[in-house]
Amino acid sequence: MALTVELVSPEEIIYTGEAEMVVARTTDGEIAFQPGHVPFLGVLVPGEVRVYTADGEKTTIAVERGFVEVSHDNVALLSDTAVVS
């Protein structure tokens, strides 16, 4: 079982893929999401979102302000600007 991850800015879809874990920094602190996570809605703060895949790869995404929503093993990240590295 995996998470479906999508990072969207006002102009485009910046990242889409599957992950075993997503770690994001919110106004409540850093939080990790794995398959089966309870529904969640939070406010992103400037920093990094880390996406870990099943094969051990890590994608780091620098984000500005925005939101993160988790529902039914889907992680939606909405950010004003973002850069994938």
PDB file of N, CA and C in Angstrom:
ATOM      1  N   MET A   1       0.850  -1.170   0.000  1.00  0.00           N
ATOM      2  CA  MET A   1       0.000   0.000   0.000  1.00  0.00           C
ATOM      3  C   MET A   1       0.896   1.234   0.000  1.00  0.00           C
ATOM      4  N   ALA A   2       0.522   2.260  -0.767  1.00  0.00           N
ATOM      5  CA  ALA A   2       1.332   3.472  -0.864  1.00  0.00           C
ATOM      6  C   ALA A   2       0.428   4.697  -0.843  1.00  0.00           C
ATOM      7  N   LEU A   3       1.057   5.821  -0.597  1.00  0.00           N
ATOM      8  CA  LEU A   3       0.367   7.102  -0.671  1.00  0.00           C
ATOM      9  C   LEU A   3       0.463   7.638  -2.094  1.00  0.00           C
ATOM     10  N   THR A   4      -0.566   8.302  -2.545  1.00  0.00           N
ATOM     11  CA  THR A   4      -0.511   9.052  -3.786  1.00  0.00           C
ATOM     12  C   THR A   4      -0.246  10.501  -3.400  1.00  0.00           C
ATOM     13  N   VAL A   5       0.808  11.083  -3.969  1.00  0.00           N
ATOM     14  CA  VAL A   5       1.235  12.428  -3.598  1.00  0.00           C
ATOM     15  C   VAL A   5       1.098  13.353  -4.798  1.00  0.00           C
ATOM     16  N   GLU A   6       0.538  14.543  -4.549  1.00  0.00           N
ATOM     17  CA  GLU A   6       0.427  15.554  -5.605  1.00  0.00           C
ATOM     18  C   GLU A   6       0.726  16.921  -5.006  1.00  0.00           C
ATOM     19  N   LEU A   7       1.666  17.628  -5.619  1.00  0.00           N
ATOM     20  CA  LEU A   7       2.018  18.988  -5.208  1.00  0.00           C
ATOM     21  C   LEU A   7       1.588  19.932  -6.318  1.00  0.00           C
ATOM     22  N   VAL A   8       0.744  20.888  -5.955  1.00  0.00           N
ATOM     23  CA  VAL A   8       0.150  21.779  -6.943  1.00  0.00           C
ATOM     24  C   VAL A   8       0.416  23.229  -6.561  1.00  0.00           C
ATOM     25  N   SER A   9       0.788  24.029  -7.556  1.00  0.00           N
ATOM     26  CA  SER A   9       0.892  25.482  -7.380  1.00  0.00           C
ATOM     27  C   SER A   9      -0.252  26.101  -8.177  1.00  0.00           C
ATOM     28  N   PRO A  10      -0.465  27.405  -8.065  1.00  0.00           N
ATOM     29  CA  PRO A  10      -1.543  28.022  -8.850  1.00  0.00           C
ATOM     30  C   PRO A  10      -1.370  27.854 -10.369  1.00  0.00           C
ATOM     31  N   GLU A  11      -0.138  27.673 -10.824  1.00  0.00           N
ATOM     32  CA  GLU A  11       0.123  27.593 -12.262  1.00  0.00           C
ATOM     33  C   GLU A  11       0.178  26.179 -12.832  1.00  0.00           C
ATOM     34  N   GLU A  12       0.589  25.196 -11.992  1.00  0.00           N
ATOM     35  CA  GLU A  12       0.834  23.867 -12.547  1.00  0.00           C
ATOM     36  C   GLU A  12       0.910  22.787 -11.465  1.00  0.00           C
ATOM     37  N   ILE A  13       0.882  21.539 -11.931  1.00  0.00           N
ATOM     38  CA  ILE A  13       1.178  20.410 -11.053  1.00  0.00           C
ATOM     39  C   ILE A  13       2.697  20.262 -11.055  1.00  0.00           C
ATOM     40  N   ILE A  14       3.316  20.395  -9.890  1.00  0.00           N
ATOM     41  CA  ILE A  14       4.768  20.390  -9.789  1.00  0.00           C
ATOM     42  C   ILE A  14       5.319  18.983  -9.574  1.00  0.00           C
ATOM     43  N   TYR A  15       4.596  18.173  -8.809  1.00  0.00           N
ATOM     44  CA  TYR A  15       5.078  16.823  -8.509  1.00  0.00           C
ATOM     45  C   TYR A  15       3.883  15.911  -8.351  1.00  0.00           C
ATOM     46  N   THR A  16       4.006  14.705  -8.853  1.00  0.00           N
ATOM     47  CA  THR A  16       3.009  13.671  -8.621  1.00  0.00           C
ATOM     48  C   THR A  16       3.724  12.327  -8.571  1.00  0.00           C
ATOM     49  N   GLY A  17       3.297  11.460  -7.682  1.00  0.00           N
ATOM     50  CA  GLY A  17       3.929  10.156  -7.560  1.00  0.00           C
ATOM     51  C   GLY A  17       3.390   9.386  -6.379  1.00  0.00           C
ATOM     52  N   GLU A  18       4.011   8.229  -6.124  1.00  0.00           N
ATOM     53  CA  GLU A  18       3.634   7.393  -4.986  1.00  0.00           C
ATOM     54  C   GLU A  18       4.741   7.435  -3.954  1.00  0.00           C
ATOM     55  N   ALA A  19       4.369   7.265  -2.693  1.00  0.00           N
ATOM     56  CA  ALA A  19       5.348   7.327  -1.613  1.00  0.00           C
ATOM     57  C   ALA A  19       4.969   6.394  -0.479  1.00  0.00           C
ATOM     58  N   GLU A  20       5.977   6.011   0.285  1.00  0.00           N
ATOM     59  CA  GLU A  20       5.772   5.250   1.504  1.00  0.00           C
ATOM     60  C   GLU A  20       5.596   6.185   2.694  1.00  0.00           C
ATOM     61  N   MET A  21       6.203   7.399   2.587  1.00  0.00           N
ATOM     62  CA  MET A  21       6.088   8.375   3.666  1.00  0.00           C
ATOM     63  C   MET A  21       6.332   9.776   3.102  1.00  0.00           C
ATOM     64  N   VAL A  22       5.573  10.739   3.639  1.00  0.00           N
ATOM     65  CA  VAL A  22       5.742  12.153   3.304  1.00  0.00           C
ATOM     66  C   VAL A  22       5.903  12.904   4.623  1.00  0.00           C
ATOM     67  N   VAL A  23       6.934  13.752   4.698  1.00  0.00           N
ATOM     68  CA  VAL A  23       7.193  14.540   5.898  1.00  0.00           C
ATOM     69  C   VAL A  23       7.081  16.016   5.520  1.00  0.00           C
ATOM     70  N   ALA A  24       6.241  16.752   6.253  1.00  0.00           N
ATOM     71  CA  ALA A  24       6.017  18.169   5.972  1.00  0.00           C
ATOM     72  C   ALA A  24       6.047  18.970   7.262  1.00  0.00           C
ATOM     73  N   ARG A  25       6.408  20.237   7.145  1.00  0.00           N
ATOM     74  CA  ARG A  25       6.411  21.135   8.302  1.00  0.00           C
ATOM     75  C   ARG A  25       5.167  22.010   8.225  1.00  0.00           C
ATOM     76  N   THR A  26       4.389  21.996   9.327  1.00  0.00           N
ATOM     77  CA  THR A  26       3.166  22.785   9.399  1.00  0.00           C
ATOM     78  C   THR A  26       3.263  23.763  10.570  1.00  0.00           C
ATOM     79  N   THR A  27       2.242  24.566  10.733  1.00  0.00           N
ATOM     80  CA  THR A  27       2.214  25.503  11.852  1.00  0.00           C
ATOM     81  C   THR A  27       2.176  24.776  13.193  1.00  0.00           C
ATOM     82  N   ASP A  28       1.791  23.500  13.191  1.00  0.00           N
ATOM     83  CA  ASP A  28       1.765  22.691  14.417  1.00  0.00           C
ATOM     84  C   ASP A  28       3.050  21.899  14.617  1.00  0.00           C
ATOM     85  N   GLY A  29       4.010  22.035  13.703  1.00  0.00           N
ATOM     86  CA  GLY A  29       5.268  21.295  13.782  1.00  0.00           C
ATOM     87  C   GLY A  29       5.419  20.347  12.606  1.00  0.00           C
ATOM     88  N   GLU A  30       6.490  19.556  12.622  1.00  0.00           N
ATOM     89  CA  GLU A  30       6.756  18.613  11.547  1.00  0.00           C
ATOM     90  C   GLU A  30       5.884  17.372  11.744  1.00  0.00           C
ATOM     91  N   ILE A  31       5.322  16.871  10.643  1.00  0.00           N
ATOM     92  CA  ILE A  31       4.438  15.710  10.721  1.00  0.00           C
ATOM     93  C   ILE A  31       4.752  14.769   9.560  1.00  0.00           C
ATOM     94  N   ALA A  32       4.677  13.471   9.832  1.00  0.00           N
ATOM     95  CA  ALA A  32       4.917  12.448   8.815  1.00  0.00           C
ATOM     96  C   ALA A  32       3.611  11.729   8.505  1.00  0.00           C
ATOM     97  N   PHE A  33       3.415  11.444   7.233  1.00  0.00           N
ATOM     98  CA  PHE A  33       2.214  10.733   6.780  1.00  0.00           C
ATOM     99  C   PHE A  33       2.641   9.413   6.156  1.00  0.00           C
ATOM    100  N   GLN A  34       1.953   8.331   6.534  1.00  0.00           N
ATOM    101  CA  GLN A  34       2.157   7.016   5.954  1.00  0.00           C
ATOM    102  C   GLN A  34       0.800   6.461   5.554  1.00  0.00           C
ATOM    103  N   PRO A  35       0.777   5.410   4.724  1.00  0.00           N
ATOM    104  CA  PRO A  35      -0.510   4.835   4.339  1.00  0.00           C
ATOM    105  C   PRO A  35      -1.368   4.537   5.564  1.00  0.00           C
ATOM    106  N   GLY A  36      -2.654   4.835   5.466  1.00  0.00           N
ATOM    107  CA  GLY A  36      -3.581   4.606   6.558  1.00  0.00           C
ATOM    108  C   GLY A  36      -3.701   5.766   7.530  1.00  0.00           C
ATOM    109  N   HIS A  37      -2.982   6.858   7.254  1.00  0.00           N
ATOM    110  CA  HIS A  37      -3.036   8.024   8.151  1.00  0.00           C
ATOM    111  C   HIS A  37      -4.467   8.566   8.221  1.00  0.00           C
ATOM    112  N   VAL A  38      -4.841   9.051   9.395  1.00  0.00           N
ATOM    113  CA  VAL A  38      -6.167   9.650   9.557  1.00  0.00           C
ATOM    114  C   VAL A  38      -6.262  10.911   8.707  1.00  0.00           C
ATOM    115  N   PRO A  39      -7.468  11.325   8.328  1.00  0.00           N
ATOM    116  CA  PRO A  39      -7.615  12.569   7.573  1.00  0.00           C
ATOM    117  C   PRO A  39      -6.969  13.741   8.321  1.00  0.00           C
ATOM    118  N   PHE A  40      -6.332  14.623   7.555  1.00  0.00           N
ATOM    119  CA  PHE A  40      -5.577  15.729   8.147  1.00  0.00           C
ATOM    120  C   PHE A  40      -5.644  16.930   7.216  1.00  0.00           C
ATOM    121  N   LEU A  41      -5.744  18.113   7.797  1.00  0.00           N
ATOM    122  CA  LEU A  41      -5.657  19.363   7.045  1.00  0.00           C
ATOM    123  C   LEU A  41      -4.783  20.299   7.856  1.00  0.00           C
ATOM    124  N   GLY A  42      -3.706  20.810   7.234  1.00  0.00           N
ATOM    125  CA  GLY A  42      -2.782  21.679   7.954  1.00  0.00           C
ATOM    126  C   GLY A  42      -2.259  22.794   7.072  1.00  0.00           C
ATOM    127  N   VAL A  43      -1.652  23.775   7.722  1.00  0.00           N
ATOM    128  CA  VAL A  43      -1.069  24.929   7.032  1.00  0.00           C
ATOM    129  C   VAL A  43       0.432  24.702   6.918  1.00  0.00           C
ATOM    130  N   LEU A  44       0.951  24.688   5.677  1.00  0.00           N
ATOM    131  CA  LEU A  44       2.383  24.549   5.458  1.00  0.00           C
ATOM    132  C   LEU A  44       3.099  25.851   5.801  1.00  0.00           C
ATOM    133  N   VAL A  45       4.301  25.725   6.335  1.00  0.00           N
ATOM    134  CA  VAL A  45       5.162  26.875   6.552  1.00  0.00           C
ATOM    135  C   VAL A  45       6.357  26.716   5.616  1.00  0.00           C
ATOM    136  N   PRO A  46       7.053  27.804   5.299  1.00  0.00           N
ATOM    137  CA  PRO A  46       8.215  27.690   4.404  1.00  0.00           C
ATOM    138  C   PRO A  46       9.211  26.664   4.934  1.00  0.00           C
ATOM    139  N   GLY A  47       9.667  25.805   4.060  1.00  0.00           N
ATOM    140  CA  GLY A  47      10.607  24.757   4.445  1.00  0.00           C
ATOM    141  C   GLY A  47      10.645  23.668   3.398  1.00  0.00           C
ATOM    142  N   GLU A  48      10.973  22.454   3.829  1.00  0.00           N
ATOM    143  CA  GLU A  48      11.082  21.321   2.924  1.00  0.00           C
ATOM    144  C   GLU A  48      10.006  20.279   3.200  1.00  0.00           C
ATOM    145  N   VAL A  49       9.507  19.699   2.117  1.00  0.00           N
ATOM    146  CA  VAL A  49       8.668  18.509   2.188  1.00  0.00           C
ATOM    147  C   VAL A  49       9.533  17.372   1.659  1.00  0.00           C
ATOM    148  N   ARG A  50       9.595  16.277   2.406  1.00  0.00           N
ATOM    149  CA  ARG A  50      10.394  15.130   1.987  1.00  0.00           C
ATOM    150  C   ARG A  50       9.464  13.976   1.611  1.00  0.00           C
ATOM    151  N   VAL A  51       9.685  13.420   0.421  1.00  0.00           N
ATOM    152  CA  VAL A  51       8.872  12.319  -0.087  1.00  0.00           C
ATOM    153  C   VAL A  51       9.779  11.090  -0.203  1.00  0.00           C
ATOM    154  N   TYR A  52       9.441  10.015   0.519  1.00  0.00           N
ATOM    155  CA  TYR A  52      10.225   8.789   0.519  1.00  0.00           C
ATOM    156  C   TYR A  52       9.460   7.714  -0.243  1.00  0.00           C
ATOM    157  N   THR A  53      10.108   7.113  -1.249  1.00  0.00           N
ATOM    158  CA  THR A  53       9.460   6.088  -2.060  1.00  0.00           C
ATOM    159  C   THR A  53       9.792   4.699  -1.533  1.00  0.00           C
ATOM    160  N   ALA A  54       9.096   3.702  -2.060  1.00  0.00           N
ATOM    161  CA  ALA A  54       9.283   2.318  -1.619  1.00  0.00           C
ATOM    162  C   ALA A  54      10.685   1.799  -1.938  1.00  0.00           C
ATOM    163  N   ASP A  55      11.320   2.326  -2.980  1.00  0.00           N
ATOM    164  CA  ASP A  55      12.665   1.859  -3.349  1.00  0.00           C
ATOM    165  C   ASP A  55      13.783   2.616  -2.632  1.00  0.00           C
ATOM    166  N   GLY A  56      13.417   3.405  -1.622  1.00  0.00           N
ATOM    167  CA  GLY A  56      14.416   4.087  -0.809  1.00  0.00           C
ATOM    168  C   GLY A  56      14.847   5.457  -1.303  1.00  0.00           C
ATOM    169  N   GLU A  57      14.285   5.905  -2.396  1.00  0.00           N
ATOM    170  CA  GLU A  57      14.624   7.231  -2.923  1.00  0.00           C
ATOM    171  C   GLU A  57      13.942   8.320  -2.104  1.00  0.00           C
ATOM    172  N   LYS A  58      14.596   9.481  -2.027  1.00  0.00           N
ATOM    173  CA  LYS A  58      14.030  10.622  -1.320  1.00  0.00           C
ATOM    174  C   LYS A  58      14.005  11.812  -2.267  1.00  0.00           C
ATOM    175  N   THR A  59      12.840  12.449  -2.359  1.00  0.00           N
ATOM    176  CA  THR A  59      12.696  13.681  -3.122  1.00  0.00           C
ATOM    177  C   THR A  59      12.443  14.801  -2.137  1.00  0.00           C
ATOM    178  N   THR A  60      13.199  15.882  -2.272  1.00  0.00           N
ATOM    179  CA  THR A  60      13.040  17.034  -1.404  1.00  0.00           C
ATOM    180  C   THR A  60      12.405  18.167  -2.206  1.00  0.00           C
ATOM    181  N   ILE A  61      11.384  18.771  -1.629  1.00  0.00           N
ATOM    182  CA  ILE A  61      10.658  19.849  -2.301  1.00  0.00           C
ATOM    183  C   ILE A  61      10.645  21.059  -1.376  1.00  0.00           C
ATOM    184  N   ALA A  62      11.215  22.160  -1.838  1.00  0.00           N
ATOM    185  CA  ALA A  62      11.183  23.403  -1.067  1.00  0.00           C
ATOM    186  C   ALA A  62       9.839  24.084  -1.336  1.00  0.00           C
ATOM    187  N   VAL A  63       9.108  24.405  -0.273  1.00  0.00           N
ATOM    188  CA  VAL A  63       7.789  25.025  -0.427  1.00  0.00           C
ATOM    189  C   VAL A  63       7.718  26.334   0.349  1.00  0.00           C
ATOM    190  N   GLU A  64       6.820  27.176  -0.082  1.00  0.00           N
ATOM    191  CA  GLU A  64       6.483  28.400   0.647  1.00  0.00           C
ATOM    192  C   GLU A  64       5.191  28.122   1.407  1.00  0.00           C
ATOM    193  N   ARG A  65       4.427  29.148   1.653  1.00  0.00           N
ATOM    194  CA  ARG A  65       3.152  28.959   2.353  1.00  0.00           C
ATOM    195  C   ARG A  65       2.203  28.092   1.525  1.00  0.00           C
ATOM    196  N   GLY A  66       1.283  27.445   2.232  1.00  0.00           N
ATOM    197  CA  GLY A  66       0.306  26.622   1.539  1.00  0.00           C
ATOM    198  C   GLY A  66      -0.450  25.729   2.504  1.00  0.00           C
ATOM    199  N   PHE A  67      -0.995  24.649   1.957  1.00  0.00           N
ATOM    200  CA  PHE A  67      -1.800  23.721   2.747  1.00  0.00           C
ATOM    201  C   PHE A  67      -1.421  22.290   2.407  1.00  0.00           C
ATOM    202  N   VAL A  68      -1.662  21.384   3.351  1.00  0.00           N
ATOM    203  CA  VAL A  68      -1.504  19.958   3.114  1.00  0.00           C
ATOM    204  C   VAL A  68      -2.796  19.287   3.578  1.00  0.00           C
ATOM    205  N   GLU A  69      -3.296  18.389   2.729  1.00  0.00           N
ATOM    206  CA  GLU A  69      -4.501  17.632   3.063  1.00  0.00           C
ATOM    207  C   GLU A  69      -4.228  16.157   2.832  1.00  0.00           C
ATOM    208  N   VAL A  70      -4.611  15.339   3.812  1.00  0.00           N
ATOM    209  CA  VAL A  70      -4.466  13.891   3.693  1.00  0.00           C
ATOM    210  C   VAL A  70      -5.847  13.271   3.828  1.00  0.00           C
ATOM    211  N   SER A  71      -6.189  12.427   2.862  1.00  0.00           N
ATOM    212  CA  SER A  71      -7.485  11.757   2.885  1.00  0.00           C
ATOM    213  C   SER A  71      -7.405  10.500   2.030  1.00  0.00           C
ATOM    214  N   HIS A  72      -7.780   9.360   2.591  1.00  0.00           N
ATOM    215  CA  HIS A  72      -7.835   8.084   1.858  1.00  0.00           C
ATOM    216  C   HIS A  72      -6.528   7.779   1.132  1.00  0.00           C
ATOM    217  N   ASP A  73      -5.398   7.895   1.828  1.00  0.00           N
ATOM    218  CA  ASP A  73      -4.066   7.611   1.281  1.00  0.00           C
ATOM    219  C   ASP A  73      -3.670   8.530   0.128  1.00  0.00           C
ATOM    220  N   ASN A  74      -4.281   9.702   0.065  1.00  0.00           N
ATOM    221  CA  ASN A  74      -3.894  10.743  -0.890  1.00  0.00           C
ATOM    222  C   ASN A  74      -3.356  11.928  -0.104  1.00  0.00           C
ATOM    223  N   VAL A  75      -2.179  12.422  -0.501  1.00  0.00           N
ATOM    224  CA  VAL A  75      -1.584  13.597   0.111  1.00  0.00           C
ATOM    225  C   VAL A  75      -1.567  14.696  -0.936  1.00  0.00           C
ATOM    226  N   ALA A  76      -2.319  15.762  -0.690  1.00  0.00           N
ATOM    227  CA  ALA A  76      -2.370  16.910  -1.598  1.00  0.00           C
ATOM    228  C   ALA A  76      -1.658  18.075  -0.922  1.00  0.00           C
ATOM    229  N   LEU A  77      -0.639  18.594  -1.595  1.00  0.00           N
ATOM    230  CA  LEU A  77       0.111  19.738  -1.102  1.00  0.00           C
ATOM    231  C   LEU A  77      -0.172  20.903  -2.031  1.00  0.00           C
ATOM    232  N   LEU A  78      -0.650  22.005  -1.470  1.00  0.00           N
ATOM    233  CA  LEU A  78      -0.956  23.195  -2.255  1.00  0.00           C
ATOM    234  C   LEU A  78      -0.012  24.290  -1.776  1.00  0.00           C
ATOM    235  N   SER A  79       0.808  24.821  -2.676  1.00  0.00           N
ATOM    236  CA  SER A  79       1.796  25.817  -2.269  1.00  0.00           C
ATOM    237  C   SER A  79       1.872  26.930  -3.311  1.00  0.00           C
ATOM    238  N   ASP A  80       2.091  28.160  -2.834  1.00  0.00           N
ATOM    239  CA  ASP A  80       2.234  29.304  -3.737  1.00  0.00           C
ATOM    240  C   ASP A  80       3.390  29.077  -4.703  1.00  0.00           C
ATOM    241  N   THR A  81       4.520  28.634  -4.183  1.00  0.00           N
ATOM    242  CA  THR A  81       5.693  28.310  -5.005  1.00  0.00           C
ATOM    243  C   THR A  81       6.378  27.081  -4.438  1.00  0.00           C
ATOM    244  N   ALA A  82       7.036  26.318  -5.296  1.00  0.00           N
ATOM    245  CA  ALA A  82       7.753  25.123  -4.858  1.00  0.00           C
ATOM    246  C   ALA A  82       8.844  24.778  -5.859  1.00  0.00           C
ATOM    247  N   VAL A  83       9.917  24.172  -5.360  1.00  0.00           N
ATOM    248  CA  VAL A  83      11.032  23.738  -6.212  1.00  0.00           C
ATOM    249  C   VAL A  83      11.405  22.326  -5.802  1.00  0.00           C
ATOM    250  N   VAL A  84      11.410  21.413  -6.769  1.00  0.00           N
ATOM    251  CA  VAL A  84      11.767  20.011  -6.530  1.00  0.00           C
ATOM    252  C   VAL A  84      13.268  19.852  -6.745  1.00  0.00           C
ATOM    253  N   SER A  85      13.931  19.198  -5.778  1.00  0.00           N
ATOM    254  CA  SER A  85      15.372  18.935  -5.958  1.00  0.00           C
ATOM    255  C   SER A  85      15.670  17.458  -5.818  1.00  0.00           C
TER     256      SER A  85
END
